[in-house]
Every structure is written in structure tokens, then in C-alpha cells.
Amino acid sequence: MRAVIPSLVVLSLFGSSLSWAEPAPSATTTTESQLTQPHKPSIIPAVAGANAIVQNQAQLKENKPLTAEQIVKEKASQDAKVKALVKDQATRLQQLEKANLEALTQNQELQLKNDNLGVQVQVLQSEQSAQMFLYGAATIAVGVLLGFLIASYIYTKRRRQW
């Protein structure tokens, strides 16, 4: 008797915990779960072609079995979508190639302009250094000339005093 009572208590607790873990489905529970589940956005077929085809096939299989005529039509529409995607990608590729060539030519032109401006900077720097050299030489020449004039004035003034 002592072993039976604890086992019954354990089984009743275990059974009640299972009923708490999995509540019985009711009308309010399903609507609440439907409201709390986020809506999964569908994939745009033009962007993800293969996924859209697989998704469409799965939806059609769920609805009803297809006839041979419907399968052929579906295959033709899928082929048309794939061809449209390939054509769209080809035009995008051509546009990108054209833009790339334009960017390359513009890059070359800018590199040439940069080289020309670099040469002009070097020429202007050498001209400026030559100009500074001339300014320095002229300043020294004026200084020497003033030195001789002042020295001769002082020399003549001392001579008169004697």
C-alpha cells in the first residue's frame, strides 16, 4: 500500500503536466495562434525564378492533380518566365558593360589630366624657385650697392675732416 500511493500521486502529477503542456485545441486557441503567427511574405517570381517555380508547383500539387494539358501550359509559362529573366539579365549585362567602358574612358582622361597638372605643378615650383633666386640675387646686389655708397659717403666725409 505504501508503494501504491506514491506511484498514483506521481502518475496523477505526470498526467496533469501533460495536459498543461498540450492544451486541447479550441476555436479561440486556433484564432489566437493564427493571429500571433507572422505572415510569411511570398517571393517575387521575377527576382527568385527557381524558388517561384518550385512554390507554384507545390501549390498546384496541393490543390488537385494536373492534367497533361495543364502541365504543358505550366511548363510553357515557366519557360517563358525563364526566357524573360535571361533576356532581362542580358540587357542588364549590356548596360553594365557600357557603363564600365564609359567609366574606364573617364578614368583614363582623369589620369591624363592628373599627369598634366602634376607636370604644371613641377614647372611652377621650379619657376618659383628660380624667381626667388633672382629676388635674392637682386637683394644682394642692392645691398652691395648701398654698402658701397654708404662706405664712400663715410670715407669722403672723414677725408674732409682731415
Protein backbone atom coordinates (compact mmCIF):
# COMPACT_ATOMS: atom_id res chain seq x y z
CA MET A 1 0.00 0.00 0.00
CA ARG A 2 2.84 2.35 0.76
CA ALA A 3 4.30 1.89 -2.73
CA VAL A 4 0.95 2.22 -4.49
CA ILE A 5 0.01 5.63 -3.08
CA PRO A 6 3.24 7.43 -4.11
CA SER A 7 3.08 5.89 -7.58
CA LEU A 8 -0.53 7.08 -8.00
CA VAL A 9 0.48 10.58 -6.89
CA VAL A 10 3.36 10.60 -9.39
CA LEU A 11 1.14 9.35 -12.21
CA SER A 12 -1.52 11.94 -11.46
CA LEU A 13 1.07 14.72 -11.45
CA PHE A 14 2.64 13.40 -14.63
CA GLY A 15 -0.74 13.15 -16.36
CA SER A 16 -1.74 16.64 -15.29
CA SER A 17 1.57 18.07 -16.52
CA LEU A 18 0.95 16.55 -19.95
CA SER A 19 -2.45 18.16 -20.14
CA TRP A 20 -0.86 21.52 -19.28
CA ALA A 21 1.85 21.12 -21.90
CA GLU A 22 -0.57 20.36 -24.72
CA PRO A 23 -3.88 22.13 -24.34
CA ALA A 24 -6.81 20.81 -26.29
CA PRO A 25 -7.42 22.76 -29.49
CA SER A 26 -10.39 25.07 -29.34
CA ALA A 27 -11.83 27.80 -31.52
CA THR A 28 -10.21 30.60 -29.53
CA THR A 29 -6.81 28.85 -29.46
CA THR A 30 -6.65 28.44 -33.23
CA THR A 31 -7.66 32.02 -33.92
CA GLU A 32 -5.13 33.30 -31.40
CA SER A 33 -2.40 31.18 -32.94
CA GLN A 34 -3.34 32.40 -36.39
CA LEU A 35 -3.17 35.99 -35.20
CA THR A 36 0.17 35.60 -33.46
CA GLN A 37 1.88 33.81 -36.34
CA PRO A 38 3.62 36.31 -38.64
CA HIS A 39 2.53 36.37 -42.25
CA LYS A 40 5.25 34.89 -44.45
CA PRO A 41 5.73 37.13 -47.50
CA SER A 42 5.76 35.40 -50.83
CA ILE A 43 8.85 35.54 -53.01
CA ILE A 44 8.65 37.69 -56.11
CA PRO A 45 8.96 35.36 -59.12
CA ALA A 46 10.96 37.87 -61.19
CA VAL A 47 13.65 38.03 -58.53
CA ALA A 48 13.84 34.42 -57.45
CA GLY A 49 12.76 32.45 -60.50
CA ALA A 50 13.62 28.95 -59.34
CA ASN A 51 12.01 29.39 -55.94
CA ALA A 52 8.85 30.73 -57.52
CA ILE A 53 8.62 27.75 -59.86
CA VAL A 54 9.01 25.30 -57.00
CA GLN A 55 6.48 27.24 -54.92
CA ASN A 56 3.95 27.28 -57.76
CA GLN A 57 4.39 23.56 -58.32
CA ALA A 58 3.86 22.85 -54.64
CA GLN A 59 0.67 24.93 -54.60
CA LEU A 60 -0.69 23.17 -57.66
CA LYS A 61 0.06 19.73 -56.24
CA GLU A 62 -1.75 20.63 -53.03
CA ASN A 63 -4.86 21.80 -54.87
CA LYS A 64 -5.52 18.93 -57.28
CA PRO A 65 -3.72 16.66 -59.72
CA LEU A 66 -2.92 18.32 -63.02
CA THR A 67 -3.86 17.06 -66.42
CA ALA A 68 -1.28 16.65 -69.16
CA GLU A 69 -2.56 19.77 -70.90
CA GLN A 70 -2.21 21.84 -67.73
CA ILE A 71 1.29 20.51 -67.17
CA VAL A 72 2.28 21.52 -70.72
CA LYS A 73 0.82 25.01 -70.22
CA GLU A 74 2.57 25.35 -66.89
CA LYS A 75 5.86 24.23 -68.40
CA ALA A 76 5.44 26.70 -71.29
CA SER A 77 4.73 29.56 -68.88
CA GLN A 78 7.73 28.62 -66.78
CA ASP A 79 9.91 28.51 -69.90
CA ALA A 80 8.61 31.93 -70.92
CA LYS A 81 9.41 33.31 -67.47
CA VAL A 82 12.91 31.87 -67.62
CA LYS A 83 13.48 33.32 -71.10
CA ALA A 84 12.24 36.71 -69.90
CA LEU A 85 14.61 36.56 -66.97
CA VAL A 86 17.52 35.60 -69.22
CA LYS A 87 16.68 38.42 -71.63
CA ASP A 88 16.42 40.90 -68.75
CA GLN A 89 19.77 39.76 -67.38
CA ALA A 90 21.34 40.07 -70.85
CA THR A 91 20.14 43.66 -71.22
CA ARG A 92 21.38 44.47 -67.72
CA LEU A 93 24.74 42.93 -68.59
CA GLN A 94 24.99 45.06 -71.73
CA GLN A 95 24.12 48.18 -69.75
CA LEU A 96 26.75 47.35 -67.16
CA GLU A 97 29.38 46.72 -69.82
CA LYS A 98 28.57 50.05 -71.48
CA ALA A 99 28.75 51.86 -68.13
CA ASN A 100 32.02 50.09 -67.37
CA LEU A 101 33.57 51.21 -70.67
CA GLU A 102 32.43 54.79 -70.06
CA ALA A 103 33.92 54.70 -66.58
CA LEU A 104 37.20 53.33 -67.92
CA THR A 105 37.50 56.06 -70.56
CA GLN A 106 36.64 58.71 -67.98
CA ASN A 107 39.25 57.21 -65.66
CA GLN A 108 41.91 57.40 -68.38
CA GLU A 109 41.00 61.00 -69.16
CA LEU A 110 41.23 61.94 -65.49
CA GLN A 111 44.60 60.19 -65.18
CA LEU A 112 45.90 62.20 -68.16
CA LYS A 113 44.60 65.43 -66.63
CA ASN A 114 46.21 64.49 -63.33
CA ASP A 115 49.55 63.85 -65.04
CA ASN A 116 49.33 67.17 -66.89
CA LEU A 117 48.51 69.03 -63.69
CA GLY A 118 51.42 67.29 -61.94
CA VAL A 119 53.79 68.50 -64.67
CA GLN A 120 52.36 72.02 -64.39
CA VAL A 121 52.90 71.99 -60.62
CA GLN A 122 56.52 70.95 -61.09
CA VAL A 123 57.07 73.70 -63.68
CA LEU A 124 55.51 76.32 -61.43
CA GLN A 125 57.59 75.17 -58.47
CA SER A 126 60.81 75.39 -60.50
CA GLU A 127 59.78 78.82 -61.82
CA GLN A 128 59.02 79.98 -58.31
CA SER A 129 62.38 78.76 -57.02
CA ALA A 130 64.13 80.49 -59.94
CA GLN A 131 62.18 83.67 -59.22
CA MET A 132 63.16 83.51 -55.54
CA PHE A 133 66.77 83.03 -56.59
CA LEU A 134 66.54 86.16 -58.76
CA TYR A 135 64.91 88.11 -55.92
CA GLY A 136 67.72 87.03 -53.62
CA ALA A 137 70.38 87.99 -56.16
CA ALA A 138 68.74 91.40 -56.72
CA THR A 139 68.54 91.97 -52.95
CA ILE A 140 72.21 91.12 -52.53
CA ALA A 141 73.12 93.40 -55.45
CA VAL A 142 71.11 96.30 -53.97
CA GLY A 143 72.69 95.61 -50.57
CA VAL A 144 76.21 95.63 -52.00
CA LEU A 145 75.49 98.83 -53.97
CA LEU A 146 74.07 100.54 -50.88
CA GLY A 147 77.06 99.32 -48.91
CA PHE A 148 79.49 100.90 -51.40
CA LEU A 149 77.52 104.16 -51.47
CA ILE A 150 77.36 104.40 -47.71
CA ALA A 151 81.03 103.44 -47.38
CA SER A 152 82.11 106.02 -49.96
CA TYR A 153 79.98 108.70 -48.27
CA ILE A 154 81.53 107.93 -44.91
CA TYR A 155 85.01 107.81 -46.45
CA THR A 156 84.62 111.17 -48.17
CA LYS A 157 83.22 112.72 -45.01
CA ARG A 158 86.24 111.59 -42.97
CA ARG A 159 88.62 112.86 -45.62
CA ARG A 160 87.13 116.32 -45.49
CA GLN A 161 87.56 116.43 -41.78
CA TRP A 162 91.31 115.95 -42.03
